[in-house]
Amino acid sequence: MFIARVEQLSKVYAKPGTSVQVPALRGIDLDFEPGEYVAICGHSGSGKSTLMNILGCLDRPTAGRYFIEQQDVSQLNDDELSDIRGRRIGFVFQNFNLIAQLSVLENLEVPLFYQGVPRRERARRAGSLAESVGLLAREQHRPMELSGGEQQRVAIARALINDPVIVLADEPTGNLDTATGLAILEVFDQLHAQGKTIIMITHEYDVAQRTQRIVNLRDGLVISDQPPEPEATPQAQGA
């Protein structure tokens, strides 16, 4: 049973001002299982960001199909895609993408506001998630008053606020120092242990090795899809 699947997925971009067509994805097939922790890797131009945008319902494929929980979402209209993003997908970005004018709790409540969740329930869920990522004492602070690691914890909590079926993380440690990045990866490890499905884009070898499965892309094609090297897993290292 898959939680997400792409079949013969292709994406072609038109080069502005020309008739040139640039293929970003070239007919790839992938399944993602419930509770799986997957790294998508590849050099710049490999197609990993395009794949992430399609998985996150931020873009549509040129050809092929994309299923979430048996529903073909590849040809939905903008409103339908927005609903899928709001209810079934959680996003964690490299640059955090927090709203500077809002407190931690208010940032967490934003997705719930757009889903029409009552204020009291929004506050309850936001407070619970702030506590779960260790930010209860910082819940009234604004993003600029937080460290990079704390901001990323807010971003992770916000991604979880609607209990999504998939969490998509785009280079979530890219703007963090090594120690802070490791602390954030431990949060993802905990989410995986709790059964969350996590798909993470990363160019960092050590980050990818923490996952269950590494999908490598090159020129819009899957060139490998396999578990990490056994000796490099956190368990093998005594982590």
Protein backbone atom coordinates (compact mmCIF):
# COMPACT_ATOMS: atom_id res chain seq x y z
CA MET A 1 0.00 0.00 0.00
CA PHE A 2 1.47 3.35 -1.04
CA ILE A 3 0.76 6.75 0.46
CA ALA A 4 2.08 8.55 -2.65
CA ARG A 5 2.94 7.34 -6.13
CA VAL A 6 4.18 8.93 -9.36
CA GLU A 7 3.78 7.10 -12.65
CA GLN A 8 5.72 8.07 -15.77
CA LEU A 9 6.00 11.57 -14.34
CA SER A 10 7.40 14.16 -16.75
CA LYS A 11 7.81 17.90 -16.54
CA VAL A 12 8.92 20.11 -19.41
CA TYR A 13 9.52 23.85 -19.10
CA ALA A 14 9.45 26.30 -21.99
CA LYS A 15 12.49 28.58 -22.06
CA PRO A 16 11.12 32.16 -21.92
CA GLY A 17 11.20 33.99 -25.23
CA THR A 18 12.15 30.89 -27.24
CA SER A 19 10.64 27.69 -28.55
CA VAL A 20 13.17 25.66 -26.57
CA GLN A 21 11.69 22.96 -24.32
CA VAL A 22 13.68 22.00 -21.23
CA PRO A 23 12.85 18.60 -19.70
CA ALA A 24 13.16 18.58 -15.89
CA LEU A 25 11.68 15.13 -15.25
CA ARG A 26 11.72 12.34 -17.83
CA GLY A 27 9.06 9.75 -17.04
CA ILE A 28 9.93 8.61 -13.51
CA ASP A 29 8.13 6.02 -11.39
CA LEU A 30 8.28 6.09 -7.59
CA ASP A 31 6.21 4.74 -4.71
CA PHE A 32 6.32 6.07 -1.14
CA GLU A 33 4.98 3.89 1.66
CA PRO A 34 3.23 5.06 4.85
CA GLY A 35 5.76 5.92 7.55
CA GLU A 36 8.70 5.90 5.15
CA TYR A 37 11.63 8.32 5.54
CA VAL A 38 13.09 9.13 2.12
CA ALA A 39 15.89 11.40 0.92
CA ILE A 40 15.78 12.76 -2.62
CA CYS A 41 19.26 13.71 -3.78
CA GLY A 42 20.94 15.04 -6.88
CA HIS A 43 23.08 17.85 -8.22
CA SER A 44 21.64 21.18 -9.35
CA GLY A 45 19.48 20.59 -12.42
CA SER A 46 18.80 16.94 -11.54
CA GLY A 47 15.05 17.54 -11.17
CA LYS A 48 14.78 17.10 -7.40
CA SER A 49 13.21 20.53 -6.77
CA THR A 50 10.74 19.99 -9.62
CA LEU A 51 9.80 16.62 -8.15
CA MET A 52 9.35 18.19 -4.71
CA ASN A 53 7.09 20.91 -6.15
CA ILE A 54 4.89 18.30 -7.82
CA LEU A 55 4.78 16.11 -4.70
CA GLY A 56 3.78 19.21 -2.74
CA CYS A 57 1.02 20.09 -5.24
CA LEU A 58 2.79 23.38 -5.98
CA ASP A 59 3.14 22.43 -9.65
CA ARG A 60 1.54 20.02 -12.11
CA PRO A 61 3.30 17.45 -14.29
CA THR A 62 3.39 17.84 -18.06
CA ALA A 63 2.63 14.14 -18.37
CA GLY A 64 2.13 11.20 -16.05
CA ARG A 65 0.12 10.79 -12.87
CA TYR A 66 0.53 11.56 -9.17
CA PHE A 67 -1.52 9.80 -6.52
CA ILE A 68 -1.92 10.67 -2.83
CA GLU A 69 -3.74 7.97 -0.87
CA GLN A 70 -5.21 6.50 -4.09
CA GLN A 71 -6.45 9.91 -5.35
CA ASP A 72 -5.04 11.12 -8.67
CA VAL A 73 -4.14 14.74 -7.94
CA SER A 74 -2.07 15.41 -11.07
CA GLN A 75 -4.82 17.23 -12.95
CA LEU A 76 -6.74 18.94 -10.16
CA ASN A 77 -7.55 22.63 -10.48
CA ASP A 78 -5.87 25.32 -8.37
CA ASP A 79 -8.52 25.35 -5.64
CA GLU A 80 -8.45 21.57 -5.33
CA LEU A 81 -4.64 21.54 -5.16
CA SER A 82 -4.73 24.24 -2.49
CA ASP A 83 -7.09 22.10 -0.43
CA ILE A 84 -4.75 19.09 -0.76
CA ARG A 85 -1.77 21.23 0.34
CA GLY A 86 -3.64 22.58 3.32
CA ARG A 87 -5.02 19.30 4.60
CA ARG A 88 -2.64 16.52 3.59
CA ILE A 89 0.86 17.99 3.12
CA GLY A 90 3.20 19.68 5.56
CA PHE A 91 6.12 21.81 4.30
CA VAL A 92 9.45 22.54 5.97
CA PHE A 93 11.63 25.01 4.05
CA GLN A 94 15.33 25.84 4.21
CA ASN A 95 14.54 29.52 4.82
CA PHE A 96 11.81 28.75 7.42
CA ASN A 97 9.22 31.00 5.67
CA LEU A 98 7.80 32.29 8.94
CA ILE A 99 5.72 35.47 9.10
CA ALA A 100 7.94 38.07 10.80
CA GLN A 101 5.10 40.06 12.38
CA LEU A 102 3.55 37.05 14.11
CA SER A 103 4.53 35.22 17.29
CA VAL A 104 5.44 31.54 17.38
CA LEU A 105 1.88 30.56 18.31
CA GLU A 106 0.37 32.84 15.68
CA ASN A 107 2.65 31.38 12.99
CA LEU A 108 1.52 27.89 13.98
CA GLU A 109 -2.13 28.90 13.82
CA VAL A 110 -1.98 30.32 10.27
CA PRO A 111 -2.72 27.02 8.42
CA LEU A 112 -5.58 26.30 10.80
CA PHE A 113 -7.05 29.76 10.23
CA TYR A 114 -7.27 29.09 6.49
CA GLN A 115 -8.95 25.76 7.20
CA GLY A 116 -11.64 27.49 9.25
CA VAL A 117 -10.65 25.89 12.57
CA PRO A 118 -12.18 27.73 15.57
CA ARG A 119 -9.87 30.01 17.58
CA ARG A 120 -9.90 27.92 20.75
CA GLU A 121 -8.95 24.75 18.86
CA ARG A 122 -6.25 26.64 16.95
CA ALA A 123 -4.73 27.82 20.23
CA ARG A 124 -4.89 24.32 21.74
CA ARG A 125 -3.15 22.65 18.80
CA ALA A 126 -0.54 25.39 18.48
CA GLY A 127 0.35 25.25 22.16
CA SER A 128 0.63 21.47 22.08
CA LEU A 129 2.97 21.51 19.09
CA ALA A 130 5.07 24.36 20.48
CA GLU A 131 5.60 22.22 23.56
CA SER A 132 6.38 19.11 21.48
CA VAL A 133 9.28 20.87 19.71
CA GLY A 134 10.62 22.45 22.90
CA LEU A 135 9.42 26.02 22.33
CA LEU A 136 6.75 26.46 24.98
CA ALA A 137 8.83 29.12 26.74
CA ARG A 138 9.27 30.99 23.45
CA GLU A 139 5.72 30.84 22.17
CA GLN A 140 5.12 34.61 22.32
CA HIS A 141 8.41 35.50 20.61
CA ARG A 142 8.60 36.62 16.99
CA PRO A 143 10.89 34.90 14.46
CA MET A 144 13.65 37.53 14.66
CA GLU A 145 13.89 36.90 18.41
CA LEU A 146 14.63 33.20 17.82
CA SER A 147 17.78 31.36 16.79
CA GLY A 148 17.91 29.59 13.43
CA GLY A 149 17.32 26.25 15.09
CA GLU A 150 14.32 27.59 17.00
CA GLN A 151 12.86 29.05 13.81
CA GLN A 152 13.21 25.69 12.09
CA ARG A 153 11.47 24.01 15.02
CA VAL A 154 8.59 26.44 14.53
CA ALA A 155 8.55 25.55 10.82
CA ILE A 156 8.42 21.84 11.65
CA ALA A 157 5.60 22.37 14.16
CA ARG A 158 3.68 24.42 11.59
CA ALA A 159 4.11 21.61 9.05
CA LEU A 160 2.50 19.20 11.52
CA ILE A 161 -0.37 21.43 12.63
CA ASN A 162 -2.95 19.80 10.31
CA ASP A 163 -1.65 16.25 10.93
CA PRO A 164 -0.56 15.84 7.27
CA VAL A 165 -0.15 12.47 5.59
CA ILE A 166 3.20 13.58 4.10
CA VAL A 167 5.86 15.96 5.43
CA LEU A 168 8.04 17.49 2.68
CA ALA A 169 11.33 18.99 3.84
CA ASP A 170 13.44 21.05 1.43
CA GLU A 171 17.06 21.25 2.67
CA PRO A 172 15.84 21.75 6.26
CA THR A 173 19.38 22.01 7.69
CA GLY A 174 20.84 24.09 4.86
CA ASN A 175 20.90 27.38 6.81
CA LEU A 176 21.99 25.90 10.14
CA ASP A 177 25.34 25.23 11.75
CA THR A 178 26.38 21.62 12.26
CA ALA A 179 25.28 21.23 15.88
CA THR A 180 21.92 22.92 15.29
CA GLY A 181 21.39 20.90 12.11
CA LEU A 182 21.94 17.66 14.02
CA ALA A 183 19.39 18.73 16.63
CA ILE A 184 16.83 19.39 13.87
CA LEU A 185 17.57 16.00 12.28
CA GLU A 186 16.86 14.40 15.63
CA VAL A 187 13.41 16.00 15.51
CA PHE A 188 12.85 14.36 12.09
CA ASP A 189 14.11 11.05 13.51
CA GLN A 190 11.49 11.33 16.25
CA LEU A 191 8.74 12.13 13.72
CA HIS A 192 9.74 9.09 11.70
CA ALA A 193 9.66 6.95 14.86
CA GLN A 194 6.11 8.23 15.44
CA GLY A 195 5.09 6.98 11.99
CA LYS A 196 5.19 10.16 9.92
CA THR A 197 5.94 9.87 6.21
CA ILE A 198 8.86 12.20 5.46
CA ILE A 199 10.30 13.06 2.05
CA MET A 200 13.39 15.24 2.29
CA ILE A 201 15.43 16.99 -0.38
CA THR A 202 19.08 17.23 0.56
CA HIS A 203 22.47 17.50 -1.08
CA GLU A 204 24.22 16.51 2.15
CA TYR A 205 25.50 12.94 2.28
CA ASP A 206 25.34 12.66 6.08
CA VAL A 207 21.75 13.89 6.14
CA ALA A 208 20.64 11.40 3.48
CA GLN A 209 22.31 8.56 5.37
CA ARG A 210 19.94 9.08 8.31
CA THR A 211 16.92 8.12 6.21
CA GLN A 212 15.56 4.70 5.24
CA ARG A 213 15.90 5.17 1.51
CA ILE A 214 17.87 7.39 -0.85
CA VAL A 215 16.54 8.28 -4.31
CA ASN A 216 19.21 9.80 -6.54
CA LEU A 217 18.19 11.85 -9.57
CA ARG A 218 20.28 12.89 -12.54
CA ASP A 219 19.02 14.78 -15.61
CA GLY A 220 15.41 14.11 -14.63
CA LEU A 221 15.85 10.35 -14.22
CA VAL A 222 16.09 8.08 -11.19
CA ILE A 223 19.60 6.63 -11.31
CA SER A 224 19.43 4.79 -7.97
CA ASP A 225 16.84 4.00 -5.31
CA GLN A 226 18.21 2.08 -2.36
CA PRO A 227 18.73 2.04 1.43
CA PRO A 228 21.66 3.99 2.91
CA GLU A 229 24.96 2.27 3.47
CA PRO A 230 24.51 0.10 6.60
CA GLU A 231 27.71 1.24 8.29
CA ALA A 232 26.68 4.90 7.95
CA THR A 233 23.26 4.71 9.64
CA PRO A 234 22.85 6.49 13.01
CA GLN A 235 22.22 3.15 14.71
CA ALA A 236 25.46 1.69 13.38
CA GLN A 237 27.33 4.73 14.58
CA GLY A 238 25.84 4.40 18.05
CA ALA A 239 23.77 7.56 17.67
